[in-house]
């Protein structure tokens, strides 16, 4: 009967095992698991926000929240959120200014 060493199997605490590759595998699984969890949560919040466009609810708050959650892991979501902020900034500047036609003259 062959020993476990000949079969390439080692006990978890065996110093002869390749622990660096085990740590890399565990780290990879944790990183992708975290990314998957954030993606599921972010897309869920984003979809709820999109549904609130036609349903009653604060879609204006929920959609950027979903993008912010997704933006913690995905560059494309950060870019969309940045564009929204820029457009809101220019919109708020435009609202604060008076238009030349509305200076009180009729």
N, C-alpha and C. Protein backbone atom coordinates (compact mmCIF):
# COMPACT_ATOMS: atom_id res chain seq x y z
N UNK A 1 0.84 -1.17 0.00
CA UNK A 1 0.00 0.00 0.00
C UNK A 1 0.89 1.23 0.00
N UNK A 2 0.55 2.23 -0.85
CA UNK A 2 1.38 3.43 -0.98
C UNK A 2 1.07 4.39 0.15
N UNK A 3 2.09 5.13 0.55
CA UNK A 3 1.87 6.14 1.58
C UNK A 3 1.25 7.39 0.96
N UNK A 4 0.75 8.25 1.82
CA UNK A 4 0.13 9.48 1.31
C UNK A 4 1.16 10.38 0.65
N UNK A 5 2.45 10.29 1.05
CA UNK A 5 3.48 11.11 0.44
C UNK A 5 3.70 10.70 -1.01
N UNK A 6 3.63 9.42 -1.30
CA UNK A 6 3.83 8.95 -2.66
C UNK A 6 2.67 9.35 -3.56
N UNK A 7 1.50 9.52 -3.00
CA UNK A 7 0.33 9.92 -3.78
C UNK A 7 0.26 11.44 -3.97
N UNK A 8 1.16 12.17 -3.32
CA UNK A 8 1.14 13.61 -3.43
C UNK A 8 0.17 14.26 -2.45
N UNK A 9 -0.36 13.49 -1.52
CA UNK A 9 -1.28 14.04 -0.53
C UNK A 9 -0.52 14.35 0.74
N UNK A 10 -0.82 15.47 1.35
CA UNK A 10 -0.16 15.85 2.59
C UNK A 10 -1.22 16.32 3.58
N UNK A 11 -0.91 16.17 4.83
CA UNK A 11 -1.80 16.66 5.87
C UNK A 11 -1.76 18.18 5.88
N UNK A 12 -2.78 18.79 6.43
CA UNK A 12 -2.88 20.25 6.42
C UNK A 12 -1.72 20.91 7.16
N UNK A 13 -1.26 20.34 8.22
CA UNK A 13 -0.17 20.92 9.00
C UNK A 13 1.19 20.42 8.60
N UNK A 14 1.30 19.64 7.56
CA UNK A 14 2.56 19.05 7.12
C UNK A 14 3.47 20.13 6.56
N UNK A 15 4.65 20.34 7.13
CA UNK A 15 5.53 21.39 6.64
C UNK A 15 6.05 21.13 5.22
N UNK A 16 5.93 19.94 4.75
CA UNK A 16 6.40 19.63 3.40
C UNK A 16 5.42 20.06 2.33
N UNK A 17 4.21 20.48 2.71
CA UNK A 17 3.20 20.91 1.73
C UNK A 17 3.52 22.29 1.17
N UNK A 18 2.94 22.60 0.06
CA UNK A 18 3.17 23.89 -0.59
C UNK A 18 2.19 24.90 -0.02
N UNK A 19 2.58 25.55 1.08
CA UNK A 19 1.67 26.46 1.78
C UNK A 19 1.49 27.78 1.05
N UNK A 20 2.49 28.22 0.28
CA UNK A 20 2.35 29.50 -0.40
C UNK A 20 1.28 29.42 -1.48
N UNK A 21 1.20 28.31 -2.20
CA UNK A 21 0.16 28.19 -3.21
C UNK A 21 -1.21 28.03 -2.55
N UNK A 22 -1.26 27.38 -1.39
CA UNK A 22 -2.53 27.28 -0.66
C UNK A 22 -3.00 28.66 -0.21
N UNK A 23 -2.08 29.48 0.28
CA UNK A 23 -2.45 30.83 0.70
C UNK A 23 -2.89 31.67 -0.49
N UNK A 24 -2.21 31.51 -1.63
CA UNK A 24 -2.60 32.25 -2.82
C UNK A 24 -4.00 31.83 -3.28
N UNK A 25 -4.29 30.53 -3.22
CA UNK A 25 -5.61 30.05 -3.61
C UNK A 25 -6.69 30.58 -2.67
N UNK A 26 -6.41 30.55 -1.37
CA UNK A 26 -7.38 31.05 -0.39
C UNK A 26 -7.59 32.54 -0.57
N UNK A 27 -6.51 33.28 -0.81
CA UNK A 27 -6.63 34.72 -1.01
C UNK A 27 -7.42 35.03 -2.28
N UNK A 28 -7.16 34.29 -3.33
CA UNK A 28 -7.87 34.47 -4.60
C UNK A 28 -9.37 34.22 -4.41
N UNK A 29 -9.70 33.16 -3.69
CA UNK A 29 -11.11 32.83 -3.43
C UNK A 29 -11.77 33.94 -2.61
N UNK A 30 -11.07 34.45 -1.59
CA UNK A 30 -11.63 35.52 -0.77
C UNK A 30 -11.83 36.81 -1.58
N UNK A 31 -10.86 37.16 -2.41
CA UNK A 31 -10.98 38.38 -3.21
C UNK A 31 -12.12 38.28 -4.21
N UNK A 32 -12.22 37.16 -4.90
CA UNK A 32 -13.30 37.00 -5.87
C UNK A 32 -14.65 36.84 -5.19
N UNK A 33 -14.66 36.22 -4.02
CA UNK A 33 -15.91 36.11 -3.26
C UNK A 33 -16.40 37.48 -2.82
N UNK A 34 -15.47 38.32 -2.37
CA UNK A 34 -15.82 39.68 -1.98
C UNK A 34 -16.33 40.46 -3.18
N UNK A 35 -15.65 40.32 -4.30
CA UNK A 35 -16.06 41.03 -5.51
C UNK A 35 -17.45 40.58 -5.98
N UNK A 36 -17.71 39.29 -5.89
CA UNK A 36 -19.01 38.76 -6.28
C UNK A 36 -20.10 39.27 -5.34
N UNK A 37 -19.82 39.31 -4.05
CA UNK A 37 -20.79 39.80 -3.08
C UNK A 37 -21.12 41.27 -3.32
N UNK A 38 -20.09 42.08 -3.58
CA UNK A 38 -20.31 43.50 -3.86
C UNK A 38 -21.09 43.67 -5.16
N UNK A 39 -20.78 42.86 -6.16
CA UNK A 39 -21.50 42.95 -7.44
C UNK A 39 -22.97 42.60 -7.25
N UNK A 40 -23.26 41.55 -6.51
CA UNK A 40 -24.65 41.16 -6.28
C UNK A 40 -25.41 42.24 -5.52
N UNK A 41 -24.79 42.77 -4.48
CA UNK A 41 -25.43 43.81 -3.68
C UNK A 41 -25.63 45.08 -4.50
N UNK A 42 -24.59 45.50 -5.22
CA UNK A 42 -24.67 46.72 -6.01
C UNK A 42 -25.69 46.64 -7.12
N UNK A 43 -25.69 45.50 -7.86
CA UNK A 43 -26.67 45.36 -8.93
C UNK A 43 -28.09 45.25 -8.39
N UNK A 44 -28.25 44.64 -7.23
CA UNK A 44 -29.58 44.56 -6.62
C UNK A 44 -30.10 45.96 -6.29
N UNK A 45 -29.26 46.76 -5.65
CA UNK A 45 -29.66 48.12 -5.29
C UNK A 45 -29.92 48.94 -6.55
N UNK A 46 -29.06 48.78 -7.57
CA UNK A 46 -29.24 49.52 -8.82
C UNK A 46 -30.54 49.13 -9.52
N UNK A 47 -30.85 47.85 -9.56
CA UNK A 47 -32.09 47.41 -10.19
C UNK A 47 -33.32 47.90 -9.42
N UNK A 48 -33.23 47.90 -8.11
CA UNK A 48 -34.34 48.44 -7.31
C UNK A 48 -34.52 49.92 -7.62
N UNK A 49 -33.41 50.64 -7.74
CA UNK A 49 -33.48 52.06 -8.09
C UNK A 49 -34.08 52.29 -9.46
N UNK A 50 -33.70 51.45 -10.44
CA UNK A 50 -34.28 51.58 -11.78
C UNK A 50 -35.77 51.28 -11.76
N UNK A 51 -36.18 50.32 -10.94
CA UNK A 51 -37.60 50.02 -10.82
C UNK A 51 -38.35 51.19 -10.18
N UNK A 52 -37.67 51.92 -9.32
CA UNK A 52 -38.31 53.06 -8.65
C UNK A 52 -38.53 54.23 -9.59
N UNK A 53 -37.98 54.18 -10.79
CA UNK A 53 -38.26 55.24 -11.75
C UNK A 53 -39.75 55.21 -12.10
N UNK A 54 -40.31 54.01 -12.26
CA UNK A 54 -41.74 53.90 -12.59
C UNK A 54 -42.60 53.58 -11.37
N UNK A 55 -41.99 53.05 -10.33
CA UNK A 55 -42.70 52.76 -9.09
C UNK A 55 -42.45 53.88 -8.10
N UNK A 56 -43.30 54.00 -7.10
CA UNK A 56 -43.05 55.05 -6.10
C UNK A 56 -41.80 54.74 -5.29
N UNK A 57 -40.98 55.75 -5.14
CA UNK A 57 -39.76 55.57 -4.36
C UNK A 57 -38.69 56.56 -4.79
N UNK A 58 -37.66 56.70 -3.98
CA UNK A 58 -36.61 57.70 -4.24
C UNK A 58 -35.53 57.17 -5.20
N UNK A 59 -35.87 57.05 -6.46
CA UNK A 59 -34.92 56.52 -7.45
C UNK A 59 -33.68 57.39 -7.55
N UNK A 60 -33.84 58.70 -7.36
CA UNK A 60 -32.71 59.63 -7.47
C UNK A 60 -31.65 59.34 -6.41
N UNK A 61 -32.06 58.78 -5.29
CA UNK A 61 -31.12 58.45 -4.22
C UNK A 61 -30.58 57.02 -4.39
N UNK A 62 -31.44 56.10 -4.77
CA UNK A 62 -31.08 54.68 -4.78
C UNK A 62 -30.15 54.34 -5.94
N UNK A 63 -30.36 54.92 -7.11
CA UNK A 63 -29.50 54.61 -8.26
C UNK A 63 -28.05 55.02 -8.00
N UNK A 64 -27.78 56.25 -7.54
CA UNK A 64 -26.37 56.57 -7.22
C UNK A 64 -25.80 55.72 -6.09
N UNK A 65 -26.65 55.31 -5.16
CA UNK A 65 -26.17 54.43 -4.09
C UNK A 65 -25.71 53.09 -4.66
N UNK A 66 -26.49 52.52 -5.58
CA UNK A 66 -26.08 51.27 -6.23
C UNK A 66 -24.81 51.43 -7.01
N UNK A 67 -24.67 52.56 -7.71
CA UNK A 67 -23.44 52.82 -8.47
C UNK A 67 -22.25 53.02 -7.52
N UNK A 68 -22.48 53.65 -6.38
CA UNK A 68 -21.40 53.82 -5.41
C UNK A 68 -20.93 52.48 -4.85
N UNK A 69 -21.87 51.59 -4.59
CA UNK A 69 -21.50 50.25 -4.12
C UNK A 69 -20.69 49.52 -5.19
N UNK A 70 -21.17 49.57 -6.43
CA UNK A 70 -20.45 48.94 -7.53
C UNK A 70 -19.11 49.62 -7.78
N UNK A 71 -19.04 50.92 -7.54
CA UNK A 71 -17.82 51.67 -7.76
C UNK A 71 -16.68 51.30 -6.83
N UNK A 72 -16.99 50.63 -5.73
CA UNK A 72 -15.91 50.18 -4.85
C UNK A 72 -15.07 49.09 -5.49
N UNK A 73 -15.61 48.41 -6.50
CA UNK A 73 -14.89 47.33 -7.16
C UNK A 73 -14.73 47.49 -8.66
N UNK A 74 -15.60 48.29 -9.30
CA UNK A 74 -15.60 48.35 -10.76
C UNK A 74 -15.37 49.77 -11.25
N UNK A 75 -14.43 49.93 -12.15
CA UNK A 75 -14.07 51.23 -12.68
C UNK A 75 -15.20 51.85 -13.50
N UNK A 76 -15.93 51.04 -14.26
CA UNK A 76 -17.00 51.57 -15.11
C UNK A 76 -18.08 52.25 -14.27
N UNK A 77 -18.35 51.71 -13.09
CA UNK A 77 -19.37 52.30 -12.22
C UNK A 77 -18.87 53.63 -11.67
N UNK A 78 -17.58 53.72 -11.34
CA UNK A 78 -17.01 54.98 -10.87
C UNK A 78 -17.09 56.05 -11.94
N UNK A 79 -16.84 55.67 -13.20
CA UNK A 79 -16.91 56.63 -14.30
C UNK A 79 -18.33 57.16 -14.48
N UNK A 80 -19.31 56.28 -14.42
CA UNK A 80 -20.71 56.72 -14.56
C UNK A 80 -21.09 57.64 -13.41
N UNK A 81 -20.69 57.29 -12.20
CA UNK A 81 -21.00 58.12 -11.03
C UNK A 81 -20.32 59.48 -11.15
N UNK A 82 -19.08 59.52 -11.65
CA UNK A 82 -18.38 60.79 -11.84
C UNK A 82 -19.10 61.66 -12.87
N UNK A 83 -19.58 61.05 -13.96
CA UNK A 83 -20.33 61.81 -14.98
C UNK A 83 -21.61 62.39 -14.40
N UNK A 84 -22.30 61.61 -13.58
CA UNK A 84 -23.53 62.09 -12.95
C UNK A 84 -23.23 63.28 -12.04
N UNK A 85 -22.15 63.19 -11.27
CA UNK A 85 -21.77 64.30 -10.38
C UNK A 85 -21.44 65.55 -11.18
N UNK A 86 -20.70 65.38 -12.29
CA UNK A 86 -20.35 66.53 -13.11
C UNK A 86 -21.60 67.18 -13.70
N UNK A 87 -22.53 66.36 -14.20
CA UNK A 87 -23.75 66.92 -14.79
C UNK A 87 -24.60 67.61 -13.73
N UNK A 88 -24.67 67.04 -12.54
CA UNK A 88 -25.42 67.69 -11.47
C UNK A 88 -24.76 69.00 -11.06
N UNK A 89 -23.43 69.03 -11.08
CA UNK A 89 -22.72 70.26 -10.75
C UNK A 89 -23.00 71.37 -11.75
N UNK A 90 -22.95 71.03 -13.04
CA UNK A 90 -23.24 72.05 -14.05
C UNK A 90 -24.72 72.44 -14.03
N UNK A 91 -25.59 71.49 -13.72
CA UNK A 91 -27.01 71.79 -13.63
C UNK A 91 -27.29 72.74 -12.47
N UNK A 92 -26.66 72.50 -11.33
CA UNK A 92 -26.89 73.37 -10.17
C UNK A 92 -26.31 74.76 -10.41
N UNK A 93 -25.20 74.87 -11.13
CA UNK A 93 -24.65 76.18 -11.47
C UNK A 93 -25.59 76.92 -12.42
N UNK A 94 -26.19 76.19 -13.35
CA UNK A 94 -27.11 76.80 -14.31
C UNK A 94 -28.40 77.27 -13.66
N UNK A 95 -28.85 76.56 -12.65
CA UNK A 95 -30.08 76.94 -11.95
C UNK A 95 -29.84 78.21 -11.14
N UNK A 96 -28.67 78.37 -10.58
CA UNK A 96 -28.36 79.52 -9.74
C UNK A 96 -28.25 80.81 -10.52
N UNK A 97 -27.92 80.73 -11.79
CA UNK A 97 -27.77 81.94 -12.61
C UNK A 97 -29.12 82.37 -13.17
N UNK A 98 -29.27 83.65 -13.33
CA UNK A 98 -30.49 84.17 -13.96
C UNK A 98 -30.31 84.15 -15.47
N UNK A 99 -31.35 83.81 -16.16
CA UNK A 99 -31.27 83.89 -17.61
C UNK A 99 -31.50 85.32 -18.05
N UNK A 100 -30.97 85.75 -19.19
CA UNK A 100 -31.11 87.14 -19.61
C UNK A 100 -32.56 87.54 -19.87
N UNK A 101 -33.42 86.62 -20.21
CA UNK A 101 -34.82 86.93 -20.49
C UNK A 101 -35.65 87.13 -19.24
N UNK A 102 -35.13 86.68 -18.08
CA UNK A 102 -35.94 86.76 -16.87
C UNK A 102 -35.42 87.84 -15.92
N UNK A 103 -35.07 89.00 -16.42
CA UNK A 103 -34.55 90.06 -15.56
C UNK A 103 -35.64 91.00 -15.06
N UNK A 104 -36.87 90.59 -15.19
CA UNK A 104 -37.98 91.37 -14.66
C UNK A 104 -38.63 92.28 -15.66
N UNK A 105 -38.10 92.39 -16.85
CA UNK A 105 -38.71 93.23 -17.88
C UNK A 105 -39.74 92.45 -18.66
N UNK A 106 -40.80 93.10 -19.01
CA UNK A 106 -41.83 92.45 -19.83
C UNK A 106 -42.02 93.16 -21.14
